[in-house]
Amino acid sequence: MNNETPNFAAPLGKIVSGCYIITLKNENQENAFLASFVIQVGFNPPTIMLAVGKDRYAYSLIKTLKPFTINIIGKEQMFFFKHFGKGFNTDEYPYQGINLIKDKTNAPILADCIGYLEVQYKGEYETGDHIVVFAEVLQGDMLQKDGSPYVHIRKNGLYY
């Protein structure tokens, strides 16, 4: 078996992405996770796509057809990485010590993020290790008008 890194790994890692906290709530179930594969893919209606690991508990909540939130992390908000980067078990409350607000859809919004989009699941496409979810933007707002989003560039496009 060849353990060499393929030549495409480095340029693949240079595809720029942001980092976001996806927050979900369905009845008595809540979850949140750090996401970097998020992009706008449509204008009318405004549509985003995000990739979710197939084994994530949050994926089952996304498919419940309840709105969920894409919280945009600012470049100075590294505390979000520490809190949400570890992941949460199904019985853990993901927002301990985190300020939340709610808008019209009742999806959790991180009060300290720079902006958010409340979105609704519309469909999906399965890839090797992720599910690509398509969601329509319902509403959103900037919470920090001068906030700059965190930009993520990986050294290697074969892992986070």
C-alpha atoms as a PDB file:
ATOM      1  CA  MET A   1       0.000   0.000   0.000  1.00  0.00           C
ATOM      2  CA  ASN A   2       1.277   3.442  -0.909  1.00  0.00           C
ATOM      3  CA  ASN A   3       1.317   5.859   2.060  1.00  0.00           C
ATOM      4  CA  GLU A   4       2.386   8.876   0.022  1.00  0.00           C
ATOM      5  CA  THR A   5       0.133  11.909   0.038  1.00  0.00           C
ATOM      6  CA  PRO A   6      -1.281  12.531  -3.445  1.00  0.00           C
ATOM      7  CA  ASN A   7      -0.143  15.685  -5.249  1.00  0.00           C
ATOM      8  CA  PHE A   8      -3.677  17.094  -5.241  1.00  0.00           C
ATOM      9  CA  ALA A   9      -3.919  17.141  -1.413  1.00  0.00           C
ATOM     10  CA  ALA A  10      -2.136  20.493  -0.960  1.00  0.00           C
ATOM     11  CA  PRO A  11      -4.072  22.477  -3.609  1.00  0.00           C
ATOM     12  CA  LEU A  12      -7.330  20.874  -2.441  1.00  0.00           C
ATOM     13  CA  GLY A  13      -6.602  22.232   1.040  1.00  0.00           C
ATOM     14  CA  LYS A  14      -6.272  25.754  -0.379  1.00  0.00           C
ATOM     15  CA  ILE A  15      -9.961  25.904  -1.250  1.00  0.00           C
ATOM     16  CA  VAL A  16     -11.077  28.583   1.184  1.00  0.00           C
ATOM     17  CA  SER A  17     -13.958  27.935   3.547  1.00  0.00           C
ATOM     18  CA  GLY A  18     -15.358  29.564   6.623  1.00  0.00           C
ATOM     19  CA  CYS A  19     -16.238  28.008   9.955  1.00  0.00           C
ATOM     20  CA  TYR A  20     -19.750  27.953  11.260  1.00  0.00           C
ATOM     21  CA  ILE A  21     -21.672  26.587  14.197  1.00  0.00           C
ATOM     22  CA  ILE A  22     -24.774  24.715  13.116  1.00  0.00           C
ATOM     23  CA  THR A  23     -27.434  24.780  15.855  1.00  0.00           C
ATOM     24  CA  LEU A  24     -30.462  22.510  15.865  1.00  0.00           C
ATOM     25  CA  LYS A  25     -33.513  21.866  17.991  1.00  0.00           C
ATOM     26  CA  ASN A  26     -36.338  19.392  17.513  1.00  0.00           C
ATOM     27  CA  GLU A  27     -38.878  19.040  20.324  1.00  0.00           C
ATOM     28  CA  ASN A  28     -36.666  17.999  23.299  1.00  0.00           C
ATOM     29  CA  GLN A  29     -33.549  17.180  21.260  1.00  0.00           C
ATOM     30  CA  GLU A  30     -30.797  19.741  20.723  1.00  0.00           C
ATOM     31  CA  ASN A  31     -27.406  19.529  19.098  1.00  0.00           C
ATOM     32  CA  ALA A  32     -24.733  21.733  17.578  1.00  0.00           C
ATOM     33  CA  PHE A  33     -21.570  21.167  15.582  1.00  0.00           C
ATOM     34  CA  LEU A  34     -18.676  22.971  13.958  1.00  0.00           C
ATOM     35  CA  ALA A  35     -18.914  23.009  10.148  1.00  0.00           C
ATOM     36  CA  SER A  36     -16.489  24.226   7.525  1.00  0.00           C
ATOM     37  CA  PHE A  37     -18.113  22.928   4.334  1.00  0.00           C
ATOM     38  CA  VAL A  38     -20.827  25.588   3.851  1.00  0.00           C
ATOM     39  CA  ILE A  39     -21.477  27.640   0.711  1.00  0.00           C
ATOM     40  CA  GLN A  40     -24.243  29.552  -1.041  1.00  0.00           C
ATOM     41  CA  VAL A  41     -25.452  27.663  -4.118  1.00  0.00           C
ATOM     42  CA  GLY A  42     -28.565  29.554  -5.262  1.00  0.00           C
ATOM     43  CA  PHE A  43     -30.155  33.008  -5.446  1.00  0.00           C
ATOM     44  CA  ASN A  44     -33.872  32.424  -6.051  1.00  0.00           C
ATOM     45  CA  PRO A  45     -34.676  31.038  -3.611  1.00  0.00           C
ATOM     46  CA  PRO A  46     -31.514  31.774  -1.622  1.00  0.00           C
ATOM     47  CA  THR A  47     -30.028  28.345  -0.997  1.00  0.00           C
ATOM     48  CA  ILE A  48     -26.994  27.081   0.858  1.00  0.00           C
ATOM     49  CA  MET A  49     -25.381  23.685   1.035  1.00  0.00           C
ATOM     50  CA  LEU A  50     -23.455  22.164   3.877  1.00  0.00           C
ATOM     51  CA  ALA A  51     -21.712  18.857   4.311  1.00  0.00           C
ATOM     52  CA  VAL A  52     -22.408  16.773   7.396  1.00  0.00           C
ATOM     53  CA  GLY A  53     -20.496  13.657   8.415  1.00  0.00           C
ATOM     54  CA  LYS A  54     -22.705  10.610   7.863  1.00  0.00           C
ATOM     55  CA  ASP A  55     -22.249   9.447  11.441  1.00  0.00           C
ATOM     56  CA  ARG A  56     -23.237  12.743  13.114  1.00  0.00           C
ATOM     57  CA  TYR A  57     -26.295  12.728  15.352  1.00  0.00           C
ATOM     58  CA  ALA A  58     -27.054  16.258  14.109  1.00  0.00           C
ATOM     59  CA  TYR A  59     -27.777  14.887  10.636  1.00  0.00           C
ATOM     60  CA  SER A  60     -30.904  13.145  11.929  1.00  0.00           C
ATOM     61  CA  LEU A  61     -32.106  16.451  13.426  1.00  0.00           C
ATOM     62  CA  ILE A  62     -31.467  18.351  10.179  1.00  0.00           C
ATOM     63  CA  LYS A  63     -33.785  15.949   8.332  1.00  0.00           C
ATOM     64  CA  THR A  64     -36.714  16.570  10.705  1.00  0.00           C
ATOM     65  CA  LEU A  65     -37.719  19.499   8.472  1.00  0.00           C
ATOM     66  CA  LYS A  66     -37.447  21.922  11.379  1.00  0.00           C
ATOM     67  CA  PRO A  67     -35.469  25.102  10.648  1.00  0.00           C
ATOM     68  CA  PHE A  68     -31.881  25.136  11.870  1.00  0.00           C
ATOM     69  CA  THR A  69     -29.317  27.911  12.148  1.00  0.00           C
ATOM     70  CA  ILE A  70     -25.983  28.557  10.497  1.00  0.00           C
ATOM     71  CA  ASN A  71     -24.082  30.812  12.923  1.00  0.00           C
ATOM     72  CA  ILE A  72     -21.188  32.695  11.328  1.00  0.00           C
ATOM     73  CA  ILE A  73     -18.046  32.753  13.482  1.00  0.00           C
ATOM     74  CA  GLY A  74     -15.902  35.868  13.601  1.00  0.00           C
ATOM     75  CA  LYS A  75     -12.142  35.682  13.182  1.00  0.00           C
ATOM     76  CA  GLU A  76     -11.661  36.693  16.832  1.00  0.00           C
ATOM     77  CA  GLN A  77     -14.134  34.141  18.249  1.00  0.00           C
ATOM     78  CA  MET A  78     -11.892  31.171  18.901  1.00  0.00           C
ATOM     79  CA  PHE A  79     -13.867  30.266  22.039  1.00  0.00           C
ATOM     80  CA  PHE A  80     -16.548  28.837  19.726  1.00  0.00           C
ATOM     81  CA  PHE A  81     -13.999  26.368  18.328  1.00  0.00           C
ATOM     82  CA  LYS A  82     -13.081  25.179  21.796  1.00  0.00           C
ATOM     83  CA  HIS A  83     -16.692  24.793  22.910  1.00  0.00           C
ATOM     84  CA  PHE A  84     -18.278  23.274  19.792  1.00  0.00           C
ATOM     85  CA  GLY A  85     -15.282  21.534  18.208  1.00  0.00           C
ATOM     86  CA  LYS A  86     -15.408  18.607  20.632  1.00  0.00           C
ATOM     87  CA  GLY A  87     -18.898  17.505  19.597  1.00  0.00           C
ATOM     88  CA  PHE A  88     -21.732  16.417  21.867  1.00  0.00           C
ATOM     89  CA  ASN A  89     -23.407  13.157  22.788  1.00  0.00           C
ATOM     90  CA  THR A  90     -27.143  12.832  22.224  1.00  0.00           C
ATOM     91  CA  ASP A  91     -27.852  13.434  25.924  1.00  0.00           C
ATOM     92  CA  GLU A  92     -25.562  16.480  26.330  1.00  0.00           C
ATOM     93  CA  TYR A  93     -26.892  20.029  26.328  1.00  0.00           C
ATOM     94  CA  PRO A  94     -24.669  21.774  23.746  1.00  0.00           C
ATOM     95  CA  TYR A  95     -25.245  25.363  24.865  1.00  0.00           C
ATOM     96  CA  GLN A  96     -23.962  25.295  28.450  1.00  0.00           C
ATOM     97  CA  GLY A  97     -22.499  28.761  29.135  1.00  0.00           C
ATOM     98  CA  ILE A  98     -23.479  30.040  25.667  1.00  0.00           C
ATOM     99  CA  ASN A  99     -25.826  33.008  25.192  1.00  0.00           C
ATOM    100  CA  LEU A 100     -28.742  32.163  22.909  1.00  0.00           C
ATOM    101  CA  ILE A 101     -31.422  34.199  21.212  1.00  0.00           C
ATOM    102  CA  LYS A 102     -34.358  33.075  19.094  1.00  0.00           C
ATOM    103  CA  ASP A 103     -35.947  34.579  16.020  1.00  0.00           C
ATOM    104  CA  LYS A 104     -39.220  33.732  14.290  1.00  0.00           C
ATOM    105  CA  THR A 105     -38.405  30.075  13.583  1.00  0.00           C
ATOM    106  CA  ASN A 106     -37.329  29.293  17.178  1.00  0.00           C
ATOM    107  CA  ALA A 107     -34.069  27.722  15.961  1.00  0.00           C
ATOM    108  CA  PRO A 108     -31.215  28.419  18.429  1.00  0.00           C
ATOM    109  CA  ILE A 109     -29.029  31.407  17.507  1.00  0.00           C
ATOM    110  CA  LEU A 110     -25.662  32.114  19.141  1.00  0.00           C
ATOM    111  CA  ALA A 111     -26.077  35.655  20.502  1.00  0.00           C
ATOM    112  CA  ASP A 112     -22.331  36.325  20.224  1.00  0.00           C
ATOM    113  CA  CYS A 113     -21.789  35.195  16.615  1.00  0.00           C
ATOM    114  CA  ILE A 114     -21.270  37.859  13.951  1.00  0.00           C
ATOM    115  CA  GLY A 115     -24.343  36.839  11.966  1.00  0.00           C
ATOM    116  CA  TYR A 116     -26.720  33.986  11.305  1.00  0.00           C
ATOM    117  CA  LEU A 117     -28.993  32.374   8.743  1.00  0.00           C
ATOM    118  CA  GLU A 118     -32.057  30.373   9.663  1.00  0.00           C
ATOM    119  CA  VAL A 119     -32.525  27.709   7.024  1.00  0.00           C
ATOM    120  CA  GLN A 120     -34.886  24.865   6.087  1.00  0.00           C
ATOM    121  CA  TYR A 121     -33.818  21.429   4.811  1.00  0.00           C
ATOM    122  CA  LYS A 122     -34.766  20.912   1.137  1.00  0.00           C
ATOM    123  CA  GLY A 123     -32.786  17.890   0.000  1.00  0.00           C
ATOM    124  CA  GLU A 124     -29.485  16.063   0.084  1.00  0.00           C
ATOM    125  CA  TYR A 125     -26.864  14.197  -1.890  1.00  0.00           C
ATOM    126  CA  GLU A 126     -24.694  11.429  -0.480  1.00  0.00           C
ATOM    127  CA  THR A 127     -20.929  11.494  -0.994  1.00  0.00           C
ATOM    128  CA  GLY A 128     -18.342   9.043   0.333  1.00  0.00           C
ATOM    129  CA  ASP A 129     -18.132  10.122   3.974  1.00  0.00           C
ATOM    130  CA  HIS A 130     -20.477  13.131   4.105  1.00  0.00           C
ATOM    131  CA  ILE A 131     -24.063  14.004   3.242  1.00  0.00           C
ATOM    132  CA  VAL A 132     -24.403  17.262   1.306  1.00  0.00           C
ATOM    133  CA  VAL A 133     -27.531  19.006   2.580  1.00  0.00           C
ATOM    134  CA  PHE A 134     -29.327  21.713   0.622  1.00  0.00           C
ATOM    135  CA  ALA A 135     -31.299  24.261   2.643  1.00  0.00           C
ATOM    136  CA  GLU A 136     -33.349  27.330   1.778  1.00  0.00           C
ATOM    137  CA  VAL A 137     -32.589  30.539   3.648  1.00  0.00           C
ATOM    138  CA  LEU A 138     -35.654  31.723   5.575  1.00  0.00           C
ATOM    139  CA  GLN A 139     -34.160  34.721   7.362  1.00  0.00           C
ATOM    140  CA  GLY A 140     -31.046  35.973   9.085  1.00  0.00           C
ATOM    141  CA  ASP A 141     -29.233  39.025  10.338  1.00  0.00           C
ATOM    142  CA  MET A 142     -25.857  40.488  11.191  1.00  0.00           C
ATOM    143  CA  LEU A 143     -25.383  40.748  14.964  1.00  0.00           C
ATOM    144  CA  GLN A 144     -21.980  42.452  14.748  1.00  0.00           C
ATOM    145  CA  LYS A 145     -22.133  44.841  11.801  1.00  0.00           C
ATOM    146  CA  ASP A 146     -18.332  45.255  11.625  1.00  0.00           C
ATOM    147  CA  GLY A 147     -17.498  41.613  12.313  1.00  0.00           C
ATOM    148  CA  SER A 148     -15.201  39.784   9.908  1.00  0.00           C
ATOM    149  CA  PRO A 149     -15.806  36.073   9.345  1.00  0.00           C
ATOM    150  CA  TYR A 150     -13.188  33.485  10.201  1.00  0.00           C
ATOM    151  CA  VAL A 151     -11.535  32.107   7.058  1.00  0.00           C
ATOM    152  CA  HIS A 152     -10.265  28.533   7.094  1.00  0.00           C
ATOM    153  CA  ILE A 153      -7.467  27.284   4.837  1.00  0.00           C
ATOM    154  CA  ARG A 154      -6.209  23.756   5.380  1.00  0.00           C
ATOM    155  CA  LYS A 155      -2.669  22.542   4.729  1.00  0.00           C
ATOM    156  CA  ASN A 156      -4.032  19.358   3.220  1.00  0.00           C
ATOM    157  CA  GLY A 157      -7.409  18.735   1.603  1.00  0.00           C
ATOM    158  CA  LEU A 158      -7.663  15.175   2.878  1.00  0.00           C
ATOM    159  CA  TYR A 159      -8.673  15.986   6.461  1.00  0.00           C
ATOM    160  CA  TYR A 160      -9.963  18.875   8.588  1.00  0.00           C
END
